[in-house]
Amino acid sequence: MSGITTHVLDTSAGRPAAGVSVKLEVRLAERGWVPLAERITDADGRARDLVPDGSKLDAGTYRLTFGTGAYFAAQGQSTFFPEASVVFEVRDPGQHHHVP
């Protein structure tokens, strides 16, 4: 299982948000935000493979950015937030980190 996963729900529709772009980045002192992966949520609103199986996850600060504007535009809706970012810290790389 990936060391970082996410599950996106469309609370306005009461269902998983399929087709949302999700970008994973890590913050490095010397380089700023560095992209690690970009995925699209599946039919259940999940991105399960942001970190490939067997890859080492380092302690540090990570950011997930969700393409909410494009998702809502595809639904024929407007949104106040064109994207939403969640910044979090991985302190124990051996653990699974799920960002709902």
PDB file of N, CA and C in Angstrom:
ATOM      1  N   MET A   1       0.841  -1.179   0.000  1.00  0.00           N
ATOM      2  CA  MET A   1       0.000   0.000   0.000  1.00  0.00           C
ATOM      3  C   MET A   1       0.886   1.243   0.000  1.00  0.00           C
ATOM      4  N   SER A   2       0.413   2.257  -0.689  1.00  0.00           N
ATOM      5  CA  SER A   2       1.120   3.529  -0.761  1.00  0.00           C
ATOM      6  C   SER A   2       1.265   4.134   0.634  1.00  0.00           C
ATOM      7  N   GLY A   3       2.362   4.814   0.888  1.00  0.00           N
ATOM      8  CA  GLY A   3       2.575   5.460   2.180  1.00  0.00           C
ATOM      9  C   GLY A   3       1.674   6.662   2.399  1.00  0.00           C
ATOM     10  N   ILE A   4       1.127   7.219   1.302  1.00  0.00           N
ATOM     11  CA  ILE A   4       0.195   8.350   1.379  1.00  0.00           C
ATOM     12  C   ILE A   4      -0.976   8.057   0.448  1.00  0.00           C
ATOM     13  N   THR A   5      -2.184   8.140   0.984  1.00  0.00           N
ATOM     14  CA  THR A   5      -3.396   7.973   0.186  1.00  0.00           C
ATOM     15  C   THR A   5      -4.363   9.099   0.524  1.00  0.00           C
ATOM     16  N   THR A   6      -5.387   9.245  -0.321  1.00  0.00           N
ATOM     17  CA  THR A   6      -6.416  10.246  -0.059  1.00  0.00           C
ATOM     18  C   THR A   6      -7.753   9.751  -0.572  1.00  0.00           C
ATOM     19  N   HIS A   7      -8.816  10.314  -0.024  1.00  0.00           N
ATOM     20  CA  HIS A   7     -10.194   9.989  -0.407  1.00  0.00           C
ATOM     21  C   HIS A   7     -10.950  11.307  -0.472  1.00  0.00           C
ATOM     22  N   VAL A   8     -11.506  11.610  -1.637  1.00  0.00           N
ATOM     23  CA  VAL A   8     -12.186  12.883  -1.854  1.00  0.00           C
ATOM     24  C   VAL A   8     -13.681  12.635  -1.976  1.00  0.00           C
ATOM     25  N   LEU A   9     -14.460  13.380  -1.204  1.00  0.00           N
ATOM     26  CA  LEU A   9     -15.914  13.282  -1.264  1.00  0.00           C
ATOM     27  C   LEU A   9     -16.492  14.604  -1.751  1.00  0.00           C
ATOM     28  N   ASP A  10     -17.493  14.503  -2.605  1.00  0.00           N
ATOM     29  CA  ASP A  10     -18.232  15.675  -3.056  1.00  0.00           C
ATOM     30  C   ASP A  10     -19.423  15.806  -2.112  1.00  0.00           C
ATOM     31  N   THR A  11     -19.272  16.598  -1.070  1.00  0.00           N
ATOM     32  CA  THR A  11     -20.322  16.701  -0.053  1.00  0.00           C
ATOM     33  C   THR A  11     -21.563  17.405  -0.592  1.00  0.00           C
ATOM     34  N   SER A  12     -21.417  18.196  -1.656  1.00  0.00           N
ATOM     35  CA  SER A  12     -22.593  18.857  -2.235  1.00  0.00           C
ATOM     36  C   SER A  12     -23.495  17.854  -2.943  1.00  0.00           C
ATOM     37  N   ALA A  13     -22.906  16.740  -3.401  1.00  0.00           N
ATOM     38  CA  ALA A  13     -23.676  15.711  -4.105  1.00  0.00           C
ATOM     39  C   ALA A  13     -23.871  14.457  -3.263  1.00  0.00           C
ATOM     40  N   GLY A  14     -23.155  14.366  -2.141  1.00  0.00           N
ATOM     41  CA  GLY A  14     -23.277  13.198  -1.280  1.00  0.00           C
ATOM     42  C   GLY A  14     -22.693  11.931  -1.875  1.00  0.00           C
ATOM     43  N   ARG A  15     -21.565  12.087  -2.590  1.00  0.00           N
ATOM     44  CA  ARG A  15     -20.941  10.913  -3.223  1.00  0.00           C
ATOM     45  C   ARG A  15     -19.426  11.129  -3.359  1.00  0.00           C
ATOM     46  N   PRO A  16     -18.698  10.045  -3.657  1.00  0.00           N
ATOM     47  CA  PRO A  16     -17.261  10.198  -3.903  1.00  0.00           C
ATOM     48  C   PRO A  16     -17.025  11.116  -5.108  1.00  0.00           C
ATOM     49  N   ALA A  17     -15.927  11.836  -5.075  1.00  0.00           N
ATOM     50  CA  ALA A  17     -15.574  12.753  -6.160  1.00  0.00           C
ATOM     51  C   ALA A  17     -14.596  12.058  -7.103  1.00  0.00           C
ATOM     52  N   ALA A  18     -15.126  11.443  -8.141  1.00  0.00           N
ATOM     53  CA  ALA A  18     -14.304  10.773  -9.153  1.00  0.00           C
ATOM     54  C   ALA A  18     -13.779  11.806 -10.141  1.00  0.00           C
ATOM     55  N   GLY A  19     -12.542  11.638 -10.577  1.00  0.00           N
ATOM     56  CA  GLY A  19     -11.972  12.498 -11.606  1.00  0.00           C
ATOM     57  C   GLY A  19     -11.330  13.775 -11.109  1.00  0.00           C
ATOM     58  N   VAL A  20     -11.006  13.847  -9.817  1.00  0.00           N
ATOM     59  CA  VAL A  20     -10.326  15.030  -9.265  1.00  0.00           C
ATOM     60  C   VAL A  20      -8.815  14.842  -9.410  1.00  0.00           C
ATOM     61  N   SER A  21      -8.132  15.845  -9.955  1.00  0.00           N
ATOM     62  CA  SER A  21      -6.671  15.754 -10.023  1.00  0.00           C
ATOM     63  C   SER A  21      -6.102  15.986  -8.625  1.00  0.00           C
ATOM     64  N   VAL A  22      -5.094  15.195  -8.287  1.00  0.00           N
ATOM     65  CA  VAL A  22      -4.428  15.277  -6.986  1.00  0.00           C
ATOM     66  C   VAL A  22      -2.927  15.317  -7.242  1.00  0.00           C
ATOM     67  N   LYS A  23      -2.271  16.362  -6.737  1.00  0.00           N
ATOM     68  CA  LYS A  23      -0.820  16.485  -6.897  1.00  0.00           C
ATOM     69  C   LYS A  23      -0.164  16.362  -5.531  1.00  0.00           C
ATOM     70  N   LEU A  24       0.847  15.499  -5.420  1.00  0.00           N
ATOM     71  CA  LEU A  24       1.619  15.319  -4.197  1.00  0.00           C
ATOM     72  C   LEU A  24       2.979  15.972  -4.375  1.00  0.00           C
ATOM     73  N   GLU A  25       3.360  16.803  -3.387  1.00  0.00           N
ATOM     74  CA  GLU A  25       4.666  17.462  -3.397  1.00  0.00           C
ATOM     75  C   GLU A  25       5.307  17.330  -2.025  1.00  0.00           C
ATOM     76  N   VAL A  26       6.634  17.429  -1.990  1.00  0.00           N
ATOM     77  CA  VAL A  26       7.384  17.463  -0.741  1.00  0.00           C
ATOM     78  C   VAL A  26       8.152  18.776  -0.704  1.00  0.00           C
ATOM     79  N   ARG A  27       8.286  19.354   0.486  1.00  0.00           N
ATOM     80  CA  ARG A  27       9.041  20.608   0.619  1.00  0.00           C
ATOM     81  C   ARG A  27      10.472  20.282   1.023  1.00  0.00           C
ATOM     82  N   LEU A  28      11.396  20.726   0.198  1.00  0.00           N
ATOM     83  CA  LEU A  28      12.822  20.542   0.472  1.00  0.00           C
ATOM     84  C   LEU A  28      13.437  21.905   0.748  1.00  0.00           C
ATOM     85  N   ALA A  29      14.260  21.981   1.766  1.00  0.00           N
ATOM     86  CA  ALA A  29      14.843  23.259   2.196  1.00  0.00           C
ATOM     87  C   ALA A  29      15.555  23.974   1.052  1.00  0.00           C
ATOM     88  N   GLU A  30      16.280  23.243   0.239  1.00  0.00           N
ATOM     89  CA  GLU A  30      17.091  23.865  -0.801  1.00  0.00           C
ATOM     90  C   GLU A  30      16.351  24.073  -2.123  1.00  0.00           C
ATOM     91  N   ARG A  31      15.160  23.451  -2.277  1.00  0.00           N
ATOM     92  CA  ARG A  31      14.475  23.526  -3.577  1.00  0.00           C
ATOM     93  C   ARG A  31      13.018  23.959  -3.498  1.00  0.00           C
ATOM     94  N   GLY A  32      12.488  24.129  -2.304  1.00  0.00           N
ATOM     95  CA  GLY A  32      11.066  24.475  -2.183  1.00  0.00           C
ATOM     96  C   GLY A  32      10.190  23.252  -2.433  1.00  0.00           C
ATOM     97  N   TRP A  33       8.998  23.476  -2.997  1.00  0.00           N
ATOM     98  CA  TRP A  33       8.062  22.372  -3.264  1.00  0.00           C
ATOM     99  C   TRP A  33       8.493  21.594  -4.500  1.00  0.00           C
ATOM    100  N   VAL A  34       8.655  20.281  -4.333  1.00  0.00           N
ATOM    101  CA  VAL A  34       9.103  19.398  -5.405  1.00  0.00           C
ATOM    102  C   VAL A  34       7.991  18.395  -5.705  1.00  0.00           C
ATOM    103  N   PRO A  35       7.519  18.335  -6.958  1.00  0.00           N
ATOM    104  CA  PRO A  35       6.457  17.388  -7.302  1.00  0.00           C
ATOM    105  C   PRO A  35       6.921  15.939  -7.182  1.00  0.00           C
ATOM    106  N   LEU A  36       6.056  15.095  -6.620  1.00  0.00           N
ATOM    107  CA  LEU A  36       6.347  13.663  -6.503  1.00  0.00           C
ATOM    108  C   LEU A  36       5.408  12.815  -7.350  1.00  0.00           C
ATOM    109  N   ALA A  37       4.141  13.220  -7.424  1.00  0.00           N
ATOM    110  CA  ALA A  37       3.164  12.420  -8.167  1.00  0.00           C
ATOM    111  C   ALA A  37       1.953  13.265  -8.502  1.00  0.00           C
ATOM    112  N   GLU A  38       1.267  12.889  -9.564  1.00  0.00           N
ATOM    113  CA  GLU A  38      -0.022  13.489  -9.895  1.00  0.00           C
ATOM    114  C   GLU A  38      -0.934  12.362 -10.360  1.00  0.00           C
ATOM    115  N   ARG A  39      -2.089  12.300  -9.756  1.00  0.00           N
ATOM    116  CA  ARG A  39      -3.055  11.243 -10.056  1.00  0.00           C
ATOM    117  C   ARG A  39      -4.437  11.853 -10.231  1.00  0.00           C
ATOM    118  N   ILE A  40      -5.369  11.021 -10.690  1.00  0.00           N
ATOM    119  CA  ILE A  40      -6.782  11.372 -10.806  1.00  0.00           C
ATOM    120  C   ILE A  40      -7.537  10.402  -9.910  1.00  0.00           C
ATOM    121  N   THR A  41      -8.472  10.913  -9.103  1.00  0.00           N
ATOM    122  CA  THR A  41      -9.218  10.023  -8.212  1.00  0.00           C
ATOM    123  C   THR A  41     -10.049   9.033  -9.025  1.00  0.00           C
ATOM    124  N   ASP A  42     -10.173   7.824  -8.484  1.00  0.00           N
ATOM    125  CA  ASP A  42     -10.921   6.758  -9.147  1.00  0.00           C
ATOM    126  C   ASP A  42     -12.427   6.916  -8.909  1.00  0.00           C
ATOM    127  N   ALA A  43     -13.212   5.945  -9.322  1.00  0.00           N
ATOM    128  CA  ALA A  43     -14.673   6.012  -9.204  1.00  0.00           C
ATOM    129  C   ALA A  43     -15.134   6.150  -7.757  1.00  0.00           C
ATOM    130  N   ASP A  44     -14.293   5.707  -6.809  1.00  0.00           N
ATOM    131  CA  ASP A  44     -14.624   5.823  -5.388  1.00  0.00           C
ATOM    132  C   ASP A  44     -14.024   7.084  -4.765  1.00  0.00           C
ATOM    133  N   GLY A  45     -13.448   7.969  -5.592  1.00  0.00           N
ATOM    134  CA  GLY A  45     -12.874   9.211  -5.092  1.00  0.00           C
ATOM    135  C   GLY A  45     -11.520   9.042  -4.434  1.00  0.00           C
ATOM    136  N   ARG A  46     -10.854   7.935  -4.698  1.00  0.00           N
ATOM    137  CA  ARG A  46      -9.585   7.645  -4.017  1.00  0.00           C
ATOM    138  C   ARG A  46      -8.384   7.746  -4.955  1.00  0.00           C
ATOM    139  N   ALA A  47      -7.270   8.184  -4.377  1.00  0.00           N
ATOM    140  CA  ALA A  47      -5.960   8.108  -5.024  1.00  0.00           C
ATOM    141  C   ALA A  47      -5.138   7.202  -4.116  1.00  0.00           C
ATOM    142  N   ARG A  48      -4.942   5.991  -4.564  1.00  0.00           N
ATOM    143  CA  ARG A  48      -4.339   4.953  -3.718  1.00  0.00           C
ATOM    144  C   ARG A  48      -2.836   4.761  -3.938  1.00  0.00           C
ATOM    145  N   ASP A  49      -2.305   5.309  -5.020  1.00  0.00           N
ATOM    146  CA  ASP A  49      -0.914   4.998  -5.378  1.00  0.00           C
ATOM    147  C   ASP A  49      -0.065   6.255  -5.568  1.00  0.00           C
ATOM    148  N   LEU A  50      -0.210   7.211  -4.668  1.00  0.00           N
ATOM    149  CA  LEU A  50       0.587   8.436  -4.773  1.00  0.00           C
ATOM    150  C   LEU A  50       2.069   8.175  -4.554  1.00  0.00           C
ATOM    151  N   VAL A  51       2.369   7.211  -3.704  1.00  0.00           N
ATOM    152  CA  VAL A  51       3.752   6.787  -3.479  1.00  0.00           C
ATOM    153  C   VAL A  51       3.816   5.322  -3.908  1.00  0.00           C
ATOM    154  N   PRO A  52       4.616   4.996  -4.926  1.00  0.00           N
ATOM    155  CA  PRO A  52       4.654   3.613  -5.417  1.00  0.00           C
ATOM    156  C   PRO A  52       5.018   2.615  -4.317  1.00  0.00           C
ATOM    157  N   ASP A  53       4.397   1.435  -4.362  1.00  0.00           N
ATOM    158  CA  ASP A  53       4.725   0.370  -3.412  1.00  0.00           C
ATOM    159  C   ASP A  53       6.222   0.115  -3.426  1.00  0.00           C
ATOM    160  N   GLY A  54       6.782  -0.030  -2.253  1.00  0.00           N
ATOM    161  CA  GLY A  54       8.206  -0.306  -2.126  1.00  0.00           C
ATOM    162  C   GLY A  54       9.073   0.943  -2.079  1.00  0.00           C
ATOM    163  N   SER A  55       8.487   2.100  -2.378  1.00  0.00           N
ATOM    164  CA  SER A  55       9.257   3.348  -2.307  1.00  0.00           C
ATOM    165  C   SER A  55       9.395   3.788  -0.865  1.00  0.00           C
ATOM    166  N   LYS A  56      10.529   4.373  -0.558  1.00  0.00           N
ATOM    167  CA  LYS A  56      10.781   4.867   0.790  1.00  0.00           C
ATOM    168  C   LYS A  56      10.184   6.261   0.936  1.00  0.00           C
ATOM    169  N   LEU A  57       9.387   6.435   1.958  1.00  0.00           N
ATOM    170  CA  LEU A  57       8.812   7.725   2.286  1.00  0.00           C
ATOM    171  C   LEU A  57       9.692   8.369   3.353  1.00  0.00           C
ATOM    172  N   ASP A  58      10.107   9.605   3.142  1.00  0.00           N
ATOM    173  CA  ASP A  58      10.951  10.303   4.106  1.00  0.00           C
ATOM    174  C   ASP A  58      10.103  11.154   5.049  1.00  0.00           C
ATOM    175  N   ALA A  59      10.606  11.372   6.252  1.00  0.00           N
ATOM    176  CA  ALA A  59       9.974  12.330   7.153  1.00  0.00           C
ATOM    177  C   ALA A  59      10.081  13.701   6.499  1.00  0.00           C
ATOM    178  N   GLY A  60       9.059  14.526   6.686  1.00  0.00           N
ATOM    179  CA  GLY A  60       9.106  15.857   6.106  1.00  0.00           C
ATOM    180  C   GLY A  60       7.728  16.452   5.945  1.00  0.00           C
ATOM    181  N   THR A  61       7.684  17.586   5.258  1.00  0.00           N
ATOM    182  CA  THR A  61       6.445  18.308   5.014  1.00  0.00           C
ATOM    183  C   THR A  61       5.991  18.036   3.587  1.00  0.00           C
ATOM    184  N   TYR A  62       4.733  17.645   3.463  1.00  0.00           N
ATOM    185  CA  TYR A  62       4.144  17.285   2.176  1.00  0.00           C
ATOM    186  C   TYR A  62       2.924  18.149   1.915  1.00  0.00           C
ATOM    187  N   ARG A  63       2.547  18.224   0.633  1.00  0.00           N
ATOM    188  CA  ARG A  63       1.349  18.978   0.260  1.00  0.00           C
ATOM    189  C   ARG A  63       0.577  18.191  -0.793  1.00  0.00           C
ATOM    190  N   LEU A  64      -0.722  18.068  -0.571  1.00  0.00           N
ATOM    191  CA  LEU A  64      -1.640  17.546  -1.575  1.00  0.00           C
ATOM    192  C   LEU A  64      -2.456  18.718  -2.099  1.00  0.00           C
ATOM    193  N   THR A  65      -2.504  18.864  -3.418  1.00  0.00           N
ATOM    194  CA  THR A  65      -3.305  19.913  -4.034  1.00  0.00           C
ATOM    195  C   THR A  65      -4.368  19.252  -4.901  1.00  0.00           C
ATOM    196  N   PHE A  66      -5.613  19.629  -4.642  1.00  0.00           N
ATOM    197  CA  PHE A  66      -6.766  19.041  -5.313  1.00  0.00           C
ATOM    198  C   PHE A  66      -7.313  20.019  -6.347  1.00  0.00           C
ATOM    199  N   GLY A  67      -7.518  19.554  -7.559  1.00  0.00           N
ATOM    200  CA  GLY A  67      -8.029  20.382  -8.651  1.00  0.00           C
ATOM    201  C   GLY A  67      -9.541  20.524  -8.584  1.00  0.00           C
ATOM    202  N   THR A  68     -10.019  21.259  -7.602  1.00  0.00           N
ATOM    203  CA  THR A  68     -11.459  21.387  -7.380  1.00  0.00           C
ATOM    204  C   THR A  68     -12.149  22.196  -8.474  1.00  0.00           C
ATOM    205  N   GLY A  69     -11.482  23.206  -9.007  1.00  0.00           N
ATOM    206  CA  GLY A  69     -12.086  24.022 -10.052  1.00  0.00           C
ATOM    207  C   GLY A  69     -12.425  23.216 -11.287  1.00  0.00           C
ATOM    208  N   ALA A  70     -11.477  22.425 -11.763  1.00  0.00           N
ATOM    209  CA  ALA A  70     -11.714  21.596 -12.958  1.00  0.00           C
ATOM    210  C   ALA A  70     -12.783  20.533 -12.683  1.00  0.00           C
ATOM    211  N   TYR A  71     -12.772  19.977 -11.472  1.00  0.00           N
ATOM    212  CA  TYR A  71     -13.782  18.972 -11.114  1.00  0.00           C
ATOM    213  C   TYR A  71     -15.185  19.571 -11.195  1.00  0.00           C
ATOM    214  N   PHE A  72     -15.395  20.724 -10.552  1.00  0.00           N
ATOM    215  CA  PHE A  72     -16.725  21.315 -10.555  1.00  0.00           C
ATOM    216  C   PHE A  72     -17.111  21.829 -11.948  1.00  0.00           C
ATOM    217  N   ALA A  73     -16.147  22.335 -12.703  1.00  0.00           N
ATOM    218  CA  ALA A  73     -16.442  22.766 -14.073  1.00  0.00           C
ATOM    219  C   ALA A  73     -16.950  21.587 -14.903  1.00  0.00           C
ATOM    220  N   ALA A  74     -16.353  20.405 -14.714  1.00  0.00           N
ATOM    221  CA  ALA A  74     -16.793  19.207 -15.430  1.00  0.00           C
ATOM    222  C   ALA A  74     -18.205  18.789 -15.023  1.00  0.00           C
ATOM    223  N   GLN A  75     -18.634  19.208 -13.822  1.00  0.00           N
ATOM    224  CA  GLN A  75     -19.987  18.917 -13.339  1.00  0.00           C
ATOM    225  C   GLN A  75     -20.969  20.015 -13.765  1.00  0.00           C
ATOM    226  N   GLY A  76     -20.476  21.040 -14.470  1.00  0.00           N
ATOM    227  CA  GLY A  76     -21.314  22.158 -14.889  1.00  0.00           C
ATOM    228  C   GLY A  76     -21.600  23.138 -13.764  1.00  0.00           C
ATOM    229  N   GLN A  77     -20.695  23.165 -12.767  1.00  0.00           N
ATOM    230  CA  GLN A  77     -20.876  24.030 -11.606  1.00  0.00           C
ATOM    231  C   GLN A  77     -19.686  24.968 -11.457  1.00  0.00           C
ATOM    232  N   SER A  78     -19.920  26.094 -10.834  1.00  0.00           N
ATOM    233  CA  SER A  78     -18.810  26.985 -10.499  1.00  0.00           C
ATOM    234  C   SER A  78     -18.406  26.704  -9.052  1.00  0.00           C
ATOM    235  N   THR A  79     -17.235  27.190  -8.694  1.00  0.00           N
ATOM    236  CA  THR A  79     -16.745  26.991  -7.333  1.00  0.00           C
ATOM    237  C   THR A  79     -15.955  28.207  -6.885  1.00  0.00           C
ATOM    238  N   PHE A  80     -15.953  28.434  -5.612  1.00  0.00           N
ATOM    239  CA  PHE A  80     -15.192  29.529  -5.023  1.00  0.00           C
ATOM    240  C   PHE A  80     -13.702  29.192  -4.976  1.00  0.00           C
ATOM    241  N   PHE A  81     -13.392  27.896  -4.846  1.00  0.00           N
ATOM    242  CA  PHE A  81     -12.011  27.441  -4.719  1.00  0.00           C
ATOM    243  C   PHE A  81     -11.554  26.752  -6.007  1.00  0.00           C
ATOM    244  N   PRO A  82     -10.658  27.358  -6.787  1.00  0.00           N
ATOM    245  CA  PRO A  82     -10.165  26.687  -7.988  1.00  0.00           C
ATOM    246  C   PRO A  82      -9.266  25.490  -7.662  1.00  0.00           C
ATOM    247  N   GLU A  83      -8.673  25.530  -6.479  1.00  0.00           N
ATOM    248  CA  GLU A  83      -7.902  24.386  -5.984  1.00  0.00           C
ATOM    249  C   GLU A  83      -7.882  24.455  -4.465  1.00  0.00           C
ATOM    250  N   ALA A  84      -7.616  23.322  -3.857  1.00  0.00           N
ATOM    251  CA  ALA A  84      -7.517  23.253  -2.397  1.00  0.00           C
ATOM    252  C   ALA A  84      -6.272  22.465  -2.049  1.00  0.00           C
ATOM    253  N   SER A  85      -5.461  23.014  -1.137  1.00  0.00           N
ATOM    254  CA  SER A  85      -4.223  22.349  -0.730  1.00  0.00           C
ATOM    255  C   SER A  85      -4.279  21.990   0.746  1.00  0.00           C
ATOM    256  N   VAL A  86      -3.697  20.836   1.051  1.00  0.00           N
ATOM    257  CA  VAL A  86      -3.563  20.380   2.433  1.00  0.00           C
ATOM    258  C   VAL A  86      -2.081  20.121   2.656  1.00  0.00           C
ATOM    259  N   VAL A  87      -1.504  20.808   3.632  1.00  0.00           N
ATOM    260  CA  VAL A  87      -0.098  20.622   3.983  1.00  0.00           C
ATOM    261  C   VAL A  87      -0.051  19.821   5.275  1.00  0.00           C
ATOM    262  N   PHE A  88       0.799  18.792   5.302  1.00  0.00           N
ATOM    263  CA  PHE A  88       0.876  17.916   6.465  1.00  0.00           C
ATOM    264  C   PHE A  88       2.307  17.438   6.667  1.00  0.00           C
ATOM    265  N   GLU A  89       2.582  16.976   7.888  1.00  0.00           N
ATOM    266  CA  GLU A  89       3.920  16.493   8.219  1.00  0.00           C
ATOM    267  C   GLU A  89       3.913  14.985   8.403  1.00  0.00           C
ATOM    268  N   VAL A  90       4.883  14.348   7.797  1.00  0.00           N
ATOM    269  CA  VAL A  90       5.136  12.927   8.013  1.00  0.00           C
ATOM    270  C   VAL A  90       6.264  12.845   9.025  1.00  0.00           C
ATOM    271  N   ARG A  91       5.946  12.338  10.206  1.00  0.00           N
ATOM    272  CA  ARG A  91       6.955  12.214  11.263  1.00  0.00           C
ATOM    273  C   ARG A  91       7.487  10.793  11.355  1.00  0.00           C
ATOM    274  N   ASP A  92       6.633   9.817  11.046  1.00  0.00           N
ATOM    275  CA  ASP A  92       7.030   8.408  11.092  1.00  0.00           C
ATOM    276  C   ASP A  92       6.825   7.809   9.706  1.00  0.00           C
ATOM    277  N   PRO A  93       7.873   7.785   8.890  1.00  0.00           N
ATOM    278  CA  PRO A  93       7.747   7.306   7.519  1.00  0.00           C
ATOM    279  C   PRO A  93       7.292   5.853   7.400  1.00  0.00           C
ATOM    280  N   GLY A  94       7.398   5.089   8.467  1.00  0.00           N
ATOM    281  CA  GLY A  94       6.984   3.693   8.431  1.00  0.00           C
ATOM    282  C   GLY A  94       5.482   3.510   8.523  1.00  0.00           C
ATOM    283  N   GLN A  95       4.765   4.564   8.866  1.00  0.00           N
ATOM    284  CA  GLN A  95       3.313   4.494   9.003  1.00  0.00           C
ATOM    285  C   GLN A  95       2.608   4.846   7.703  1.00  0.00           C
ATOM    286  N   HIS A  96       1.362   4.422   7.582  1.00  0.00           N
ATOM    287  CA  HIS A  96       0.515   4.816   6.459  1.00  0.00           C
ATOM    288  C   HIS A  96      -0.107   6.173   6.795  1.00  0.00           C
ATOM    289  N   HIS A  97      -0.149   7.084   5.842  1.00  0.00           N
ATOM    290  CA  HIS A  97      -0.698   8.421   6.059  1.00  0.00           C
ATOM    291  C   HIS A  97      -1.863   8.622   5.087  1.00  0.00           C
ATOM    292  N   HIS A  98      -3.079   8.702   5.658  1.00  0.00           N
ATOM    293  CA  HIS A  98      -4.285   8.888   4.855  1.00  0.00           C
ATOM    294  C   HIS A  98      -4.808  10.300   5.077  1.00  0.00           C
ATOM    295  N   VAL A  99      -5.001  11.023   3.981  1.00  0.00           N
ATOM    296  CA  VAL A  99      -5.489  12.393   4.037  1.00  0.00           C
ATOM    297  C   VAL A  99      -6.895  12.404   3.449  1.00  0.00           C
ATOM    298  N   PRO A 100      -7.920  12.485   4.315  1.00  0.00           N
ATOM    299  CA  PRO A 100      -9.297  12.489   3.786  1.00  0.00           C
ATOM    300  C   PRO A 100      -9.652  13.836   3.180  1.00  0.00           C
TER     301      PRO A 100
END
